[in-house]
Amino acid sequence: MPNIRSSEKDVRRIKARTARNKATKSRVRTLRKKVIAAIASGDSKAAQEAYNNFASAADKAAKTSTLHKNTASRLKSRIAQKLGKAAKA
């Protein structure tokens, strides 16, 4: 337990930020799984739409430093590669 009043406030802030970051990361992971599932099903239109939602969420997470910008870029790139291979097939 913190003894200083500002430290008590810091604890509250950290708790709120942690919850927000967890929700954002969870959303990115869920959208990523949806893209992979859509690619596996073979529906290219649904896969492209799911990818757009995923890319948007990843960029927003990177913008707020919830995800590192390179991590978001790497995730988007790998999914885009899978999407491209599925489109060719």
PDB file of N, CA and C in Angstrom:
ATOM      1  N   MET A   1       0.841  -1.189   0.000  1.00  0.00           N
ATOM      2  CA  MET A   1       0.000   0.000   0.000  1.00  0.00           C
ATOM      3  C   MET A   1       0.881   1.246   0.000  1.00  0.00           C
ATOM      4  N   PRO A   2       0.569   2.184  -0.864  1.00  0.00           N
ATOM      5  CA  PRO A   2       1.349   3.414  -0.886  1.00  0.00           C
ATOM      6  C   PRO A   2       1.017   4.301   0.315  1.00  0.00           C
ATOM      7  N   ASN A   3       2.011   5.026   0.763  1.00  0.00           N
ATOM      8  CA  ASN A   3       1.820   5.933   1.899  1.00  0.00           C
ATOM      9  C   ASN A   3       1.585   7.365   1.449  1.00  0.00           C
ATOM     10  N   ILE A   4       2.020   7.667   0.262  1.00  0.00           N
ATOM     11  CA  ILE A   4       1.925   9.032  -0.239  1.00  0.00           C
ATOM     12  C   ILE A   4       0.652   9.168  -1.076  1.00  0.00           C
ATOM     13  N   ARG A   5       0.003  10.316  -0.920  1.00  0.00           N
ATOM     14  CA  ARG A   5      -1.291  10.518  -1.576  1.00  0.00           C
ATOM     15  C   ARG A   5      -1.185  10.426  -3.102  1.00  0.00           C
ATOM     16  N   SER A   6      -0.139  10.981  -3.669  1.00  0.00           N
ATOM     17  CA  SER A   6       0.033  10.934  -5.126  1.00  0.00           C
ATOM     18  C   SER A   6       0.283   9.500  -5.590  1.00  0.00           C
ATOM     19  N   SER A   7       0.914   8.712  -4.755  1.00  0.00           N
ATOM     20  CA  SER A   7       1.152   7.304  -5.097  1.00  0.00           C
ATOM     21  C   SER A   7      -0.153   6.517  -5.106  1.00  0.00           C
ATOM     22  N   GLU A   8      -1.072   6.893  -4.210  1.00  0.00           N
ATOM     23  CA  GLU A   8      -2.387   6.244  -4.202  1.00  0.00           C
ATOM     24  C   GLU A   8      -3.098   6.517  -5.526  1.00  0.00           C
ATOM     25  N   LYS A   9      -2.988   7.754  -5.992  1.00  0.00           N
ATOM     26  CA  LYS A   9      -3.596   8.122  -7.266  1.00  0.00           C
ATOM     27  C   LYS A   9      -2.911   7.385  -8.414  1.00  0.00           C
ATOM     28  N   ASP A  10      -1.597   7.234  -8.327  1.00  0.00           N
ATOM     29  CA  ASP A  10      -0.859   6.497  -9.352  1.00  0.00           C
ATOM     30  C   ASP A  10      -1.348   5.058  -9.454  1.00  0.00           C
ATOM     31  N   VAL A  11      -1.628   4.452  -8.319  1.00  0.00           N
ATOM     32  CA  VAL A  11      -2.133   3.077  -8.307  1.00  0.00           C
ATOM     33  C   VAL A  11      -3.473   2.999  -9.033  1.00  0.00           C
ATOM     34  N   ARG A  12      -4.333   3.978  -8.782  1.00  0.00           N
ATOM     35  CA  ARG A  12      -5.630   4.003  -9.466  1.00  0.00           C
ATOM     36  C   ARG A  12      -5.446   4.184 -10.970  1.00  0.00           C
ATOM     37  N   ARG A  13      -4.524   5.073 -11.341  1.00  0.00           N
ATOM     38  CA  ARG A  13      -4.249   5.320 -12.766  1.00  0.00           C
ATOM     39  C   ARG A  13      -3.727   4.056 -13.447  1.00  0.00           C
ATOM     40  N   ILE A  14      -2.790   3.405 -12.781  1.00  0.00           N
ATOM     41  CA  ILE A  14      -2.195   2.186 -13.349  1.00  0.00           C
ATOM     42  C   ILE A  14      -3.259   1.122 -13.544  1.00  0.00           C
ATOM     43  N   LYS A  15      -4.154   0.991 -12.582  1.00  0.00           N
ATOM     44  CA  LYS A  15      -5.221  -0.010 -12.684  1.00  0.00           C
ATOM     45  C   LYS A  15      -6.115   0.270 -13.890  1.00  0.00           C
ATOM     46  N   ALA A  16      -6.462   1.538 -14.090  1.00  0.00           N
ATOM     47  CA  ALA A  16      -7.318   1.923 -15.219  1.00  0.00           C
ATOM     48  C   ALA A  16      -6.597   1.703 -16.547  1.00  0.00           C
ATOM     49  N   ARG A  17      -5.328   2.095 -16.607  1.00  0.00           N
ATOM     50  CA  ARG A  17      -4.558   1.932 -17.845  1.00  0.00           C
ATOM     51  C   ARG A  17      -4.367   0.465 -18.195  1.00  0.00           C
ATOM     52  N   THR A  18      -4.100  -0.346 -17.172  1.00  0.00           N
ATOM     53  CA  THR A  18      -3.906  -1.777 -17.393  1.00  0.00           C
ATOM     54  C   THR A  18      -5.168  -2.401 -17.964  1.00  0.00           C
ATOM     55  N   ALA A  19      -6.307  -2.036 -17.409  1.00  0.00           N
ATOM     56  CA  ALA A  19      -7.586  -2.571 -17.905  1.00  0.00           C
ATOM     57  C   ALA A  19      -7.823  -2.140 -19.344  1.00  0.00           C
ATOM     58  N   ARG A  20      -7.526  -0.888 -19.655  1.00  0.00           N
ATOM     59  CA  ARG A  20      -7.719  -0.378 -21.010  1.00  0.00           C
ATOM     60  C   ARG A  20      -6.791  -1.083 -21.996  1.00  0.00           C
ATOM     61  N   ASN A  21      -5.534  -1.251 -21.595  1.00  0.00           N
ATOM     62  CA  ASN A  21      -4.559  -1.912 -22.470  1.00  0.00           C
ATOM     63  C   ASN A  21      -4.912  -3.378 -22.699  1.00  0.00           C
ATOM     64  N   LYS A  22      -5.375  -4.046 -21.649  1.00  0.00           N
ATOM     65  CA  LYS A  22      -5.776  -5.453 -21.784  1.00  0.00           C
ATOM     66  C   LYS A  22      -6.921  -5.591 -22.771  1.00  0.00           C
ATOM     67  N   ALA A  23      -7.895  -4.697 -22.666  1.00  0.00           N
ATOM     68  CA  ALA A  23      -9.052  -4.747 -23.563  1.00  0.00           C
ATOM     69  C   ALA A  23      -8.624  -4.508 -25.004  1.00  0.00           C
ATOM     70  N   THR A  24      -7.727  -3.562 -25.206  1.00  0.00           N
ATOM     71  CA  THR A  24      -7.262  -3.243 -26.560  1.00  0.00           C
ATOM     72  C   THR A  24      -6.498  -4.413 -27.160  1.00  0.00           C
ATOM     73  N   LYS A  25      -5.589  -5.002 -26.380  1.00  0.00           N
ATOM     74  CA  LYS A  25      -4.808  -6.141 -26.873  1.00  0.00           C
ATOM     75  C   LYS A  25      -5.706  -7.333 -27.160  1.00  0.00           C
ATOM     76  N   SER A  26      -6.692  -7.541 -26.316  1.00  0.00           N
ATOM     77  CA  SER A  26      -7.632  -8.643 -26.513  1.00  0.00           C
ATOM     78  C   SER A  26      -8.417  -8.442 -27.803  1.00  0.00           C
ATOM     79  N   ARG A  27      -8.834  -7.209 -28.061  1.00  0.00           N
ATOM     80  CA  ARG A  27      -9.570  -6.902 -29.291  1.00  0.00           C
ATOM     81  C   ARG A  27      -8.714  -7.178 -30.523  1.00  0.00           C
ATOM     82  N   VAL A  28      -7.448  -6.786 -30.473  1.00  0.00           N
ATOM     83  CA  VAL A  28      -6.543  -7.029 -31.600  1.00  0.00           C
ATOM     84  C   VAL A  28      -6.388  -8.526 -31.841  1.00  0.00           C
ATOM     85  N   ARG A  29      -6.203  -9.294 -30.772  1.00  0.00           N
ATOM     86  CA  ARG A  29      -6.042 -10.752 -30.907  1.00  0.00           C
ATOM     87  C   ARG A  29      -7.307 -11.392 -31.467  1.00  0.00           C
ATOM     88  N   THR A  30      -8.463 -10.956 -30.999  1.00  0.00           N
ATOM     89  CA  THR A  30      -9.734 -11.506 -31.473  1.00  0.00           C
ATOM     90  C   THR A  30      -9.938 -11.213 -32.955  1.00  0.00           C
ATOM     91  N   LEU A  31      -9.676  -9.977 -33.358  1.00  0.00           N
ATOM     92  CA  LEU A  31      -9.841  -9.611 -34.767  1.00  0.00           C
ATOM     93  C   LEU A  31      -8.857 -10.373 -35.645  1.00  0.00           C
ATOM     94  N   ARG A  32      -7.657 -10.610 -35.130  1.00  0.00           N
ATOM     95  CA  ARG A  32      -6.658 -11.389 -35.875  1.00  0.00           C
ATOM     96  C   ARG A  32      -7.162 -12.812 -36.106  1.00  0.00           C
ATOM     97  N   LYS A  33      -7.731 -13.403 -35.074  1.00  0.00           N
ATOM     98  CA  LYS A  33      -8.273 -14.760 -35.204  1.00  0.00           C
ATOM     99  C   LYS A  33      -9.415 -14.799 -36.212  1.00  0.00           C
ATOM    100  N   LYS A  34     -10.226 -13.745 -36.238  1.00  0.00           N
ATOM    101  CA  LYS A  34     -11.335 -13.688 -37.192  1.00  0.00           C
ATOM    102  C   LYS A  34     -10.824 -13.631 -38.627  1.00  0.00           C
ATOM    103  N   VAL A  35      -9.737 -12.892 -38.853  1.00  0.00           N
ATOM    104  CA  VAL A  35      -9.158 -12.815 -40.195  1.00  0.00           C
ATOM    105  C   VAL A  35      -8.646 -14.193 -40.604  1.00  0.00           C
ATOM    106  N   ILE A  36      -7.929 -14.844 -39.719  1.00  0.00           N
ATOM    107  CA  ILE A  36      -7.376 -16.171 -40.027  1.00  0.00           C
ATOM    108  C   ILE A  36      -8.497 -17.166 -40.307  1.00  0.00           C
ATOM    109  N   ALA A  37      -9.576 -17.091 -39.534  1.00  0.00           N
ATOM    110  CA  ALA A  37     -10.720 -17.984 -39.756  1.00  0.00           C
ATOM    111  C   ALA A  37     -11.377 -17.703 -41.099  1.00  0.00           C
ATOM    112  N   ALA A  38     -11.494 -16.435 -41.463  1.00  0.00           N
ATOM    113  CA  ALA A  38     -12.106 -16.068 -42.744  1.00  0.00           C
ATOM    114  C   ALA A  38     -11.234 -16.531 -43.907  1.00  0.00           C
ATOM    115  N   ILE A  39      -9.925 -16.440 -43.754  1.00  0.00           N
ATOM    116  CA  ILE A  39      -9.009 -16.919 -44.796  1.00  0.00           C
ATOM    117  C   ILE A  39      -9.145 -18.428 -44.946  1.00  0.00           C
ATOM    118  N   ALA A  40      -9.226 -19.121 -43.819  1.00  0.00           N
ATOM    119  CA  ALA A  40      -9.346 -20.583 -43.842  1.00  0.00           C
ATOM    120  C   ALA A  40     -10.659 -21.029 -44.479  1.00  0.00           C
ATOM    121  N   SER A  41     -11.717 -20.243 -44.293  1.00  0.00           N
ATOM    122  CA  SER A  41     -13.013 -20.609 -44.861  1.00  0.00           C
ATOM    123  C   SER A  41     -13.052 -20.392 -46.371  1.00  0.00           C
ATOM    124  N   GLY A  42     -12.133 -19.547 -46.876  1.00  0.00           N
ATOM    125  CA  GLY A  42     -12.061 -19.326 -48.315  1.00  0.00           C
ATOM    126  C   GLY A  42     -12.889 -18.156 -48.813  1.00  0.00           C
ATOM    127  N   ASP A  43     -13.520 -17.438 -47.914  1.00  0.00           N
ATOM    128  CA  ASP A  43     -14.344 -16.285 -48.304  1.00  0.00           C
ATOM    129  C   ASP A  43     -13.453 -15.050 -48.365  1.00  0.00           C
ATOM    130  N   SER A  44     -13.012 -14.690 -49.580  1.00  0.00           N
ATOM    131  CA  SER A  44     -12.037 -13.610 -49.715  1.00  0.00           C
ATOM    132  C   SER A  44     -12.626 -12.244 -49.343  1.00  0.00           C
ATOM    133  N   LYS A  45     -13.893 -12.039 -49.650  1.00  0.00           N
ATOM    134  CA  LYS A  45     -14.513 -10.748 -49.326  1.00  0.00           C
ATOM    135  C   LYS A  45     -14.598 -10.550 -47.817  1.00  0.00           C
ATOM    136  N   ALA A  46     -15.038 -11.586 -47.108  1.00  0.00           N
ATOM    137  CA  ALA A  46     -15.125 -11.507 -45.647  1.00  0.00           C
ATOM    138  C   ALA A  46     -13.735 -11.388 -45.031  1.00  0.00           C
ATOM    139  N   ALA A  47     -12.766 -12.072 -45.624  1.00  0.00           N
ATOM    140  CA  ALA A  47     -11.396 -12.017 -45.116  1.00  0.00           C
ATOM    141  C   ALA A  47     -10.832 -10.604 -45.269  1.00  0.00           C
ATOM    142  N   GLN A  48     -11.094  -9.971 -46.393  1.00  0.00           N
ATOM    143  CA  GLN A  48     -10.596  -8.610 -46.628  1.00  0.00           C
ATOM    144  C   GLN A  48     -11.241  -7.626 -45.653  1.00  0.00           C
ATOM    145  N   GLU A  49     -12.524  -7.780 -45.422  1.00  0.00           N
ATOM    146  CA  GLU A  49     -13.232  -6.905 -44.482  1.00  0.00           C
ATOM    147  C   GLU A  49     -12.703  -7.110 -43.063  1.00  0.00           C
ATOM    148  N   ALA A  50     -12.492  -8.374 -42.695  1.00  0.00           N
ATOM    149  CA  ALA A  50     -11.956  -8.678 -41.369  1.00  0.00           C
ATOM    150  C   ALA A  50     -10.539  -8.127 -41.225  1.00  0.00           C
ATOM    151  N   TYR A  51      -9.759  -8.217 -42.301  1.00  0.00           N
ATOM    152  CA  TYR A  51      -8.392  -7.678 -42.269  1.00  0.00           C
ATOM    153  C   TYR A  51      -8.408  -6.165 -42.065  1.00  0.00           C
ATOM    154  N   ASN A  52      -9.325  -5.481 -42.735  1.00  0.00           N
ATOM    155  CA  ASN A  52      -9.419  -4.027 -42.580  1.00  0.00           C
ATOM    156  C   ASN A  52      -9.717  -3.641 -41.133  1.00  0.00           C
ATOM    157  N   ASN A  53     -10.633  -4.377 -40.502  1.00  0.00           N
ATOM    158  CA  ASN A  53     -10.963  -4.120 -39.094  1.00  0.00           C
ATOM    159  C   ASN A  53      -9.754  -4.392 -38.202  1.00  0.00           C
ATOM    160  N   PHE A  54      -9.055  -5.500 -38.487  1.00  0.00           N
ATOM    161  CA  PHE A  54      -7.881  -5.869 -37.703  1.00  0.00           C
ATOM    162  C   PHE A  54      -6.782  -4.824 -37.844  1.00  0.00           C
ATOM    163  N   ALA A  55      -6.516  -4.398 -39.075  1.00  0.00           N
ATOM    164  CA  ALA A  55      -5.452  -3.422 -39.319  1.00  0.00           C
ATOM    165  C   ALA A  55      -5.756  -2.105 -38.616  1.00  0.00           C
ATOM    166  N   SER A  56      -7.015  -1.694 -38.644  1.00  0.00           N
ATOM    167  CA  SER A  56      -7.421  -0.470 -37.972  1.00  0.00           C
ATOM    168  C   SER A  56      -7.195  -0.577 -36.468  1.00  0.00           C
ATOM    169  N   ALA A  57      -7.605  -1.695 -35.881  1.00  0.00           N
ATOM    170  CA  ALA A  57      -7.443  -1.889 -34.440  1.00  0.00           C
ATOM    171  C   ALA A  57      -5.960  -1.944 -34.065  1.00  0.00           C
ATOM    172  N   ALA A  58      -5.150  -2.597 -34.883  1.00  0.00           N
ATOM    173  CA  ALA A  58      -3.711  -2.695 -34.612  1.00  0.00           C
ATOM    174  C   ALA A  58      -3.059  -1.316 -34.684  1.00  0.00           C
ATOM    175  N   ASP A  59      -3.452  -0.522 -35.670  1.00  0.00           N
ATOM    176  CA  ASP A  59      -2.896   0.826 -35.805  1.00  0.00           C
ATOM    177  C   ASP A  59      -3.287   1.707 -34.620  1.00  0.00           C
ATOM    178  N   LYS A  60      -4.530   1.590 -34.186  1.00  0.00           N
ATOM    179  CA  LYS A  60      -4.977   2.379 -33.031  1.00  0.00           C
ATOM    180  C   LYS A  60      -4.229   1.968 -31.770  1.00  0.00           C
ATOM    181  N   ALA A  61      -3.993   0.665 -31.616  1.00  0.00           N
ATOM    182  CA  ALA A  61      -3.249   0.183 -30.451  1.00  0.00           C
ATOM    183  C   ALA A  61      -1.814   0.693 -30.495  1.00  0.00           C
ATOM    184  N   ALA A  62      -1.232   0.756 -31.687  1.00  0.00           N
ATOM    185  CA  ALA A  62       0.135   1.255 -31.823  1.00  0.00           C
ATOM    186  C   ALA A  62       0.189   2.760 -31.577  1.00  0.00           C
ATOM    187  N   LYS A  63      -0.847   3.459 -32.008  1.00  0.00           N
ATOM    188  CA  LYS A  63      -0.894   4.913 -31.831  1.00  0.00           C
ATOM    189  C   LYS A  63      -0.883   5.293 -30.355  1.00  0.00           C
ATOM    190  N   THR A  64      -1.538   4.496 -29.533  1.00  0.00           N
ATOM    191  CA  THR A  64      -1.611   4.781 -28.095  1.00  0.00           C
ATOM    192  C   THR A  64      -0.518   4.058 -27.316  1.00  0.00           C
ATOM    193  N   SER A  65       0.443   3.441 -28.018  1.00  0.00           N
ATOM    194  CA  SER A  65       1.575   2.709 -27.413  1.00  0.00           C
ATOM    195  C   SER A  65       1.134   1.496 -26.606  1.00  0.00           C
ATOM    196  N   THR A  66      -0.049   0.980 -26.872  1.00  0.00           N
ATOM    197  CA  THR A  66      -0.460  -0.273 -26.251  1.00  0.00           C
ATOM    198  C   THR A  66       0.328  -1.404 -26.889  1.00  0.00           C
ATOM    199  N   LEU A  67       0.473  -1.338 -28.203  1.00  0.00           N
ATOM    200  CA  LEU A  67       1.370  -2.229 -28.946  1.00  0.00           C
ATOM    201  C   LEU A  67       2.492  -1.357 -29.498  1.00  0.00           C
ATOM    202  N   HIS A  68       3.667  -1.946 -29.623  1.00  0.00           N
ATOM    203  CA  HIS A  68       4.759  -1.227 -30.269  1.00  0.00           C
ATOM    204  C   HIS A  68       4.433  -1.108 -31.749  1.00  0.00           C
ATOM    205  N   LYS A  69       4.838  -0.012 -32.363  1.00  0.00           N
ATOM    206  CA  LYS A  69       4.476   0.228 -33.762  1.00  0.00           C
ATOM    207  C   LYS A  69       5.022  -0.862 -34.682  1.00  0.00           C
ATOM    208  N   ASN A  70       6.216  -1.384 -34.375  1.00  0.00           N
ATOM    209  CA  ASN A  70       6.778  -2.451 -35.202  1.00  0.00           C
ATOM    210  C   ASN A  70       6.020  -3.761 -35.017  1.00  0.00           C
ATOM    211  N   THR A  71       5.516  -3.997 -33.831  1.00  0.00           N
ATOM    212  CA  THR A  71       4.726  -5.200 -33.573  1.00  0.00           C
ATOM    213  C   THR A  71       3.443  -5.152 -34.390  1.00  0.00           C
ATOM    214  N   ALA A  72       2.776  -4.020 -34.369  1.00  0.00           N
ATOM    215  CA  ALA A  72       1.538  -3.870 -35.133  1.00  0.00           C
ATOM    216  C   ALA A  72       1.822  -4.052 -36.623  1.00  0.00           C
ATOM    217  N   SER A  73       2.909  -3.464 -37.088  1.00  0.00           N
ATOM    218  CA  SER A  73       3.291  -3.563 -38.493  1.00  0.00           C
ATOM    219  C   SER A  73       3.588  -5.013 -38.867  1.00  0.00           C
ATOM    220  N   ARG A  74       4.302  -5.722 -37.998  1.00  0.00           N
ATOM    221  CA  ARG A  74       4.642  -7.126 -38.256  1.00  0.00           C
ATOM    222  C   ARG A  74       3.392  -7.992 -38.325  1.00  0.00           C
ATOM    223  N   LEU A  75       2.480  -7.793 -37.390  1.00  0.00           N
ATOM    224  CA  LEU A  75       1.234  -8.575 -37.382  1.00  0.00           C
ATOM    225  C   LEU A  75       0.434  -8.329 -38.655  1.00  0.00           C
ATOM    226  N   LYS A  76       0.320  -7.061 -39.039  1.00  0.00           N
ATOM    227  CA  LYS A  76      -0.431  -6.713 -40.251  1.00  0.00           C
ATOM    228  C   LYS A  76       0.227  -7.316 -41.487  1.00  0.00           C
ATOM    229  N   SER A  77       1.544  -7.263 -41.539  1.00  0.00           N
ATOM    230  CA  SER A  77       2.274  -7.782 -42.689  1.00  0.00           C
ATOM    231  C   SER A  77       2.067  -9.287 -42.840  1.00  0.00           C
ATOM    232  N   ARG A  78       2.167 -10.016 -41.747  1.00  0.00           N
ATOM    233  CA  ARG A  78       2.019 -11.472 -41.811  1.00  0.00           C
ATOM    234  C   ARG A  78       0.612 -11.872 -42.235  1.00  0.00           C
ATOM    235  N   ILE A  79      -0.381 -11.170 -41.723  1.00  0.00           N
ATOM    236  CA  ILE A  79      -1.759 -11.472 -42.112  1.00  0.00           C
ATOM    237  C   ILE A  79      -1.983 -11.106 -43.575  1.00  0.00           C
ATOM    238  N   ALA A  80      -1.393  -9.991 -44.003  1.00  0.00           N
ATOM    239  CA  ALA A  80      -1.534  -9.561 -45.410  1.00  0.00           C
ATOM    240  C   ALA A  80      -0.917 -10.596 -46.349  1.00  0.00           C
ATOM    241  N   GLN A  81       0.191 -11.189 -45.940  1.00  0.00           N
ATOM    242  CA  GLN A  81       0.822 -12.243 -46.742  1.00  0.00           C
ATOM    243  C   GLN A  81      -0.116 -13.435 -46.878  1.00  0.00           C
ATOM    244  N   LYS A  82      -0.715 -13.844 -45.773  1.00  0.00           N
ATOM    245  CA  LYS A  82      -1.652 -14.968 -45.817  1.00  0.00           C
ATOM    246  C   LYS A  82      -2.854 -14.635 -46.691  1.00  0.00           C
ATOM    247  N   LEU A  83      -3.308 -13.405 -46.599  1.00  0.00           N
ATOM    248  CA  LEU A  83      -4.444 -12.960 -47.400  1.00  0.00           C
ATOM    249  C   LEU A  83      -4.085 -12.989 -48.889  1.00  0.00           C
ATOM    250  N   GLY A  84      -2.876 -12.567 -49.217  1.00  0.00           N
ATOM    251  CA  GLY A  84      -2.428 -12.579 -50.597  1.00  0.00           C
ATOM    252  C   GLY A  84      -2.302 -13.981 -51.159  1.00  0.00           C
ATOM    253  N   LYS A  85      -1.778 -14.900 -50.357  1.00  0.00           N
ATOM    254  CA  LYS A  85      -1.655 -16.286 -50.803  1.00  0.00           C
ATOM    255  C   LYS A  85      -3.027 -16.910 -51.024  1.00  0.00           C
ATOM    256  N   ALA A  86      -3.962 -16.587 -50.142  1.00  0.00           N
ATOM    257  CA  ALA A  86      -5.314 -17.129 -50.266  1.00  0.00           C
ATOM    258  C   ALA A  86      -6.008 -16.566 -51.509  1.00  0.00           C
ATOM    259  N   ALA A  87      -5.740 -15.306 -51.835  1.00  0.00           N
ATOM    260  CA  ALA A  87      -6.361 -14.680 -53.010  1.00  0.00           C
ATOM    261  C   ALA A  87      -5.854 -15.318 -54.292  1.00  0.00           C
ATOM    262  N   LYS A  88      -4.569 -15.683 -54.321  1.00  0.00           N
ATOM    263  CA  LYS A  88      -3.996 -16.316 -55.504  1.00  0.00           C
ATOM    264  C   LYS A  88      -4.541 -17.720 -55.722  1.00  0.00           C
ATOM    265  N   ALA A  89      -4.796 -18.407 -54.610  1.00  0.00           N
ATOM    266  CA  ALA A  89      -5.253 -19.803 -54.690  1.00  0.00           C
ATOM    267  C   ALA A  89      -6.727 -19.908 -55.054  1.00  0.00           C
TER     268      ALA A  89
END
